[in-house]
Amino acid sequence: MTDRRLWRGAALLIALAGAGFAIFIAFGERLDAAELARWARQHRAEWWTLPAYFIAYALLDIFFIPTQALSVIAVLLWGWIKGGTVELFAATVGAVFPYLIARGALLESITARLSRHEKAARVLEREGFTLLLILRIVPIIPYTILNYVAGLSSLPLWRYIAATFLGMIPSVFIFAYFVEAVIDGIISPRDVVLRGLAAGLLLALLVVLTRLAAPRVRRRLESRDRGTSPTDAAHRD
């Protein structure tokens, strides 16, 4: 069964890559990214733009739809710093709805989609905040699915929100920077690849540091729940 899923996933990636290449060949030369950015930023001051962005993000989260297009739109509208900030808050707020849905009455279709991730939900029961933080930094489980998976665990809402917000900071701003750099013609496609590799190494370093800090963070959280001081908890260890 696992091999079948791997082959299915590989076939899907090949199909998506082929479709993307065909679209690039057909329209790439006609598309002026800078002109598109200028057009988008003419409308960023409209009163409805920001709430519409948050609503769109929440809807995509609820219906398991990837949010990468909204990541690009945020940069087109507000630039990489403000756009990244807007997306970070929209992604954090939007992630709450699937979490609450999973805590309530799950639809049968949602339950079926999450069946392969039941083990991850059980692991979250043990690791909690630390594991969710790592999964947000390195999205082994896709963002929209992880929102529901976390809701199946006993992770409290405030820890879920904190892990989501903190864990998404690196990927959101790194991606936003590259999008704006490509739009403005600051870096070439070759440099994008090189800097992408550097960003991957940075994310890997963040994962290692997170794992090293995990025991200390876990002791602090557990001691807070028991009403004891971190120093007392450390002495007991």
Protein backbone atom coordinates (compact mmCIF):
# COMPACT_ATOMS: atom_id res chain seq x y z
CA MET A 1 0.00 0.00 0.00
CA THR A 2 2.84 2.36 0.83
CA ASP A 3 4.54 1.68 -2.52
CA ARG A 4 1.29 2.41 -4.31
CA ARG A 5 1.01 5.76 -2.53
CA LEU A 6 4.61 6.61 -3.39
CA TRP A 7 4.01 5.84 -7.06
CA ARG A 8 0.77 7.80 -7.01
CA GLY A 9 2.51 10.77 -5.40
CA ALA A 10 5.38 10.61 -7.90
CA ALA A 11 2.93 10.48 -10.81
CA LEU A 12 1.06 13.49 -9.41
CA LEU A 13 4.27 15.50 -9.04
CA ILE A 14 5.32 14.65 -12.60
CA ALA A 15 1.90 15.66 -13.90
CA LEU A 16 1.97 18.96 -12.00
CA ALA A 17 5.51 19.68 -13.17
CA GLY A 18 4.53 18.95 -16.77
CA ALA A 19 1.47 21.18 -16.53
CA GLY A 20 3.51 23.97 -14.96
CA PHE A 21 6.14 23.71 -17.69
CA ALA A 22 3.48 23.81 -20.41
CA ILE A 23 1.86 26.89 -18.87
CA PHE A 24 5.25 28.59 -18.59
CA ILE A 25 6.04 27.88 -22.25
CA ALA A 26 2.62 29.11 -23.35
CA PHE A 27 2.34 32.25 -21.25
CA GLY A 28 5.70 32.90 -19.60
CA GLU A 29 6.99 35.26 -22.25
CA ARG A 30 3.75 37.24 -22.27
CA LEU A 31 3.49 37.67 -18.52
CA ASP A 32 5.06 40.81 -17.11
CA ALA A 33 5.42 40.08 -13.40
CA ALA A 34 6.35 43.66 -12.56
CA GLU A 35 3.29 44.97 -14.39
CA LEU A 36 1.11 42.45 -12.55
CA ALA A 37 2.57 43.62 -9.23
CA ARG A 38 1.89 47.27 -10.11
CA TRP A 39 -1.71 46.43 -11.01
CA ALA A 40 -2.22 44.51 -7.74
CA ARG A 41 -0.72 47.28 -5.61
CA GLN A 42 -3.09 49.82 -7.13
CA HIS A 43 -5.89 47.95 -5.33
CA ARG A 44 -4.19 47.22 -2.00
CA ALA A 45 -5.64 50.35 -0.37
CA GLU A 46 -9.22 49.21 -0.99
CA TRP A 47 -11.07 48.60 2.29
CA TRP A 48 -12.13 45.09 1.31
CA THR A 49 -8.70 43.77 0.32
CA LEU A 50 -7.45 42.77 3.77
CA PRO A 51 -10.66 41.13 5.08
CA ALA A 52 -11.13 39.36 1.74
CA TYR A 53 -7.61 37.95 2.03
CA PHE A 54 -8.26 36.61 5.54
CA ILE A 55 -11.58 35.09 4.47
CA ALA A 56 -10.02 33.46 1.41
CA TYR A 57 -7.22 31.98 3.54
CA ALA A 58 -9.72 30.56 6.04
CA LEU A 59 -11.84 29.01 3.29
CA LEU A 60 -8.84 27.36 1.65
CA ASP A 61 -7.77 26.01 5.04
CA ILE A 62 -11.19 24.50 5.71
CA PHE A 63 -11.45 22.81 2.31
CA PHE A 64 -7.90 21.37 2.17
CA ILE A 65 -6.89 23.69 -0.70
CA PRO A 66 -3.17 24.64 -0.88
CA THR A 67 -2.53 28.29 -0.01
CA GLN A 68 0.61 28.97 -2.08
CA ALA A 69 -1.31 31.19 -4.51
CA LEU A 70 -2.36 33.42 -1.61
CA SER A 71 1.29 33.62 -0.53
CA VAL A 72 2.16 35.11 -3.92
CA ILE A 73 -0.87 37.41 -3.86
CA ALA A 74 0.18 38.82 -0.47
CA VAL A 75 3.55 39.82 -1.92
CA LEU A 76 1.95 41.31 -5.02
CA LEU A 77 -0.38 43.40 -2.89
CA TRP A 78 1.80 44.54 -0.01
CA GLY A 79 5.42 43.65 -0.71
CA TRP A 80 7.46 40.96 1.02
CA ILE A 81 7.67 42.46 4.53
CA LYS A 82 4.11 43.66 4.99
CA GLY A 83 2.76 40.89 2.75
CA GLY A 84 4.61 38.25 4.75
CA THR A 85 3.24 39.74 7.97
CA VAL A 86 -0.30 39.73 6.62
CA GLU A 87 0.04 36.14 5.45
CA LEU A 88 1.52 35.03 8.78
CA PHE A 89 -1.47 36.36 10.70
CA ALA A 90 -3.95 35.11 8.08
CA ALA A 91 -2.39 31.64 8.16
CA THR A 92 -2.49 31.58 11.97
CA VAL A 93 -6.09 32.77 12.19
CA GLY A 94 -7.20 30.55 9.31
CA ALA A 95 -5.61 27.50 10.91
CA VAL A 96 -7.88 27.84 13.95
CA PHE A 97 -11.05 26.92 12.06
CA PRO A 98 -9.95 23.41 10.92
CA TYR A 99 -8.60 22.80 14.44
CA LEU A 100 -11.99 23.65 15.97
CA ILE A 101 -13.84 21.61 13.34
CA ALA A 102 -11.68 18.60 14.16
CA ARG A 103 -12.40 19.14 17.85
CA GLY A 104 -16.13 19.12 17.10
CA ALA A 105 -18.10 16.83 14.84
CA LEU A 106 -15.94 15.71 11.94
CA LEU A 107 -17.56 15.14 8.59
CA GLU A 108 -17.09 11.63 7.20
CA SER A 109 -15.14 12.95 4.23
CA ILE A 110 -12.73 14.77 6.54
CA THR A 111 -12.30 11.68 8.70
CA ALA A 112 -11.44 9.61 5.65
CA ARG A 113 -8.85 12.13 4.48
CA LEU A 114 -7.17 12.14 7.88
CA SER A 115 -7.09 8.37 8.38
CA ARG A 116 -3.51 8.07 7.10
CA HIS A 117 -2.40 10.71 9.62
CA GLU A 118 -3.86 9.09 12.75
CA LYS A 119 -0.36 8.10 13.87
CA ALA A 120 0.79 11.72 13.63
CA ALA A 121 -2.15 12.77 15.81
CA ARG A 122 -1.17 10.17 18.42
CA VAL A 123 2.44 11.40 18.39
CA LEU A 124 1.18 14.97 18.90
CA GLU A 125 -0.50 13.68 22.04
CA ARG A 126 2.97 12.99 23.47
CA GLU A 127 5.14 15.71 21.93
CA GLY A 128 2.56 18.48 21.65
CA PHE A 129 3.94 21.98 21.15
CA THR A 130 7.47 20.89 20.22
CA LEU A 131 6.46 18.50 17.44
CA LEU A 132 3.90 20.90 16.00
CA LEU A 133 6.51 23.67 15.96
CA ILE A 134 8.88 21.41 13.99
CA LEU A 135 6.13 20.38 11.56
CA ARG A 136 5.31 24.02 10.92
CA ILE A 137 8.96 24.86 10.25
CA VAL A 138 9.41 21.87 7.94
CA PRO A 139 6.00 20.96 6.45
CA ILE A 140 6.36 17.17 6.28
CA ILE A 141 2.58 17.12 6.66
CA PRO A 142 0.93 19.75 4.41
CA TYR A 143 -0.22 22.89 6.20
CA THR A 144 -3.96 22.45 5.51
CA ILE A 145 -3.97 18.80 6.64
CA LEU A 146 -1.87 19.46 9.74
CA ASN A 147 -4.49 21.95 10.93
CA TYR A 148 -7.04 19.14 11.20
CA VAL A 149 -4.55 16.60 12.54
CA ALA A 150 -3.65 18.92 15.41
CA GLY A 151 -7.34 19.23 16.23
CA LEU A 152 -7.52 15.46 16.72
CA SER A 153 -4.85 15.65 19.42
CA SER A 154 -5.21 16.98 22.97
CA LEU A 155 -2.97 19.98 22.23
CA PRO A 156 -4.54 23.09 23.86
CA LEU A 157 -5.66 25.87 21.55
CA TRP A 158 -3.19 28.47 22.86
CA ARG A 159 -0.21 26.14 22.31
CA TYR A 160 -1.53 25.28 18.85
CA ILE A 161 -1.74 28.98 17.93
CA ALA A 162 1.72 29.74 19.37
CA ALA A 163 3.38 26.81 17.58
CA THR A 164 1.65 27.71 14.31
CA PHE A 165 2.63 31.38 14.49
CA LEU A 166 6.25 30.82 15.52
CA GLY A 167 6.83 27.82 13.26
CA MET A 168 5.61 29.56 10.11
CA ILE A 169 7.73 32.70 10.47
CA PRO A 170 10.82 31.35 8.59
CA SER A 171 9.02 29.79 5.63
CA VAL A 172 6.55 32.66 5.16
CA PHE A 173 9.18 35.40 5.02
CA ILE A 174 11.76 33.42 3.06
CA PHE A 175 9.16 32.60 0.41
CA ALA A 176 7.86 36.19 0.37
CA TYR A 177 11.38 37.54 -0.14
CA PHE A 178 12.05 35.27 -3.10
CA VAL A 179 8.71 36.11 -4.71
CA GLU A 180 9.37 39.84 -4.53
CA ALA A 181 12.95 39.40 -5.72
CA VAL A 182 11.77 37.51 -8.80
CA ILE A 183 8.99 40.02 -9.48
CA ASP A 184 11.34 42.98 -9.23
CA GLY A 185 14.04 41.24 -11.26
CA ILE A 186 16.55 41.53 -8.42
CA ILE A 187 17.79 37.96 -8.77
CA SER A 188 17.92 35.56 -11.69
CA PRO A 189 16.25 32.13 -11.71
CA ARG A 190 19.70 30.57 -11.15
CA ASP A 191 20.20 32.69 -8.03
CA VAL A 192 16.73 31.71 -6.84
CA VAL A 193 17.80 28.05 -6.91
CA LEU A 194 21.05 28.77 -5.06
CA ARG A 195 19.35 30.88 -2.43
CA GLY A 196 16.61 28.29 -2.17
CA LEU A 197 19.25 25.71 -1.25
CA ALA A 198 20.66 28.13 1.31
CA ALA A 199 17.16 28.63 2.72
CA GLY A 200 16.74 24.86 2.92
CA LEU A 201 19.95 24.59 4.94
CA LEU A 202 18.71 27.37 7.22
CA LEU A 203 15.44 25.55 7.79
CA ALA A 204 17.34 22.32 8.50
CA LEU A 205 19.44 24.21 11.07
CA LEU A 206 16.27 25.52 12.67
CA VAL A 207 14.94 21.97 12.93
CA VAL A 208 18.15 20.79 14.62
CA LEU A 209 18.08 23.71 17.06
CA THR A 210 14.41 23.05 17.77
CA ARG A 211 15.10 19.39 18.53
CA LEU A 212 17.97 20.33 20.83
CA ALA A 213 15.77 22.81 22.67
CA ALA A 214 12.80 20.44 22.81
CA PRO A 215 13.54 18.82 26.23
CA ARG A 216 13.98 22.19 27.92
CA VAL A 217 10.81 23.61 26.35
CA ARG A 218 8.87 20.49 27.34
CA ARG A 219 10.07 20.72 30.96
CA ARG A 220 9.03 24.37 31.14
CA LEU A 221 5.55 23.66 29.78
CA GLU A 222 5.04 20.64 32.01
CA SER A 223 6.24 22.50 35.10
CA ARG A 224 3.88 25.38 34.28
CA ASP A 225 0.96 22.95 34.05
CA ARG A 226 1.88 21.44 37.43
CA GLY A 227 2.32 24.87 39.00
CA THR A 228 6.02 24.36 39.72
CA SER A 229 9.00 26.46 38.74
CA PRO A 230 11.29 25.45 35.83
CA THR A 231 14.22 25.41 38.25
CA ASP A 232 12.51 22.84 40.48
CA ALA A 233 11.61 20.74 37.43
CA ALA A 234 15.23 20.84 36.23
CA HIS A 235 16.48 19.70 39.68
CA ARG A 236 14.10 16.76 39.57
CA ASP A 237 15.50 15.74 36.17
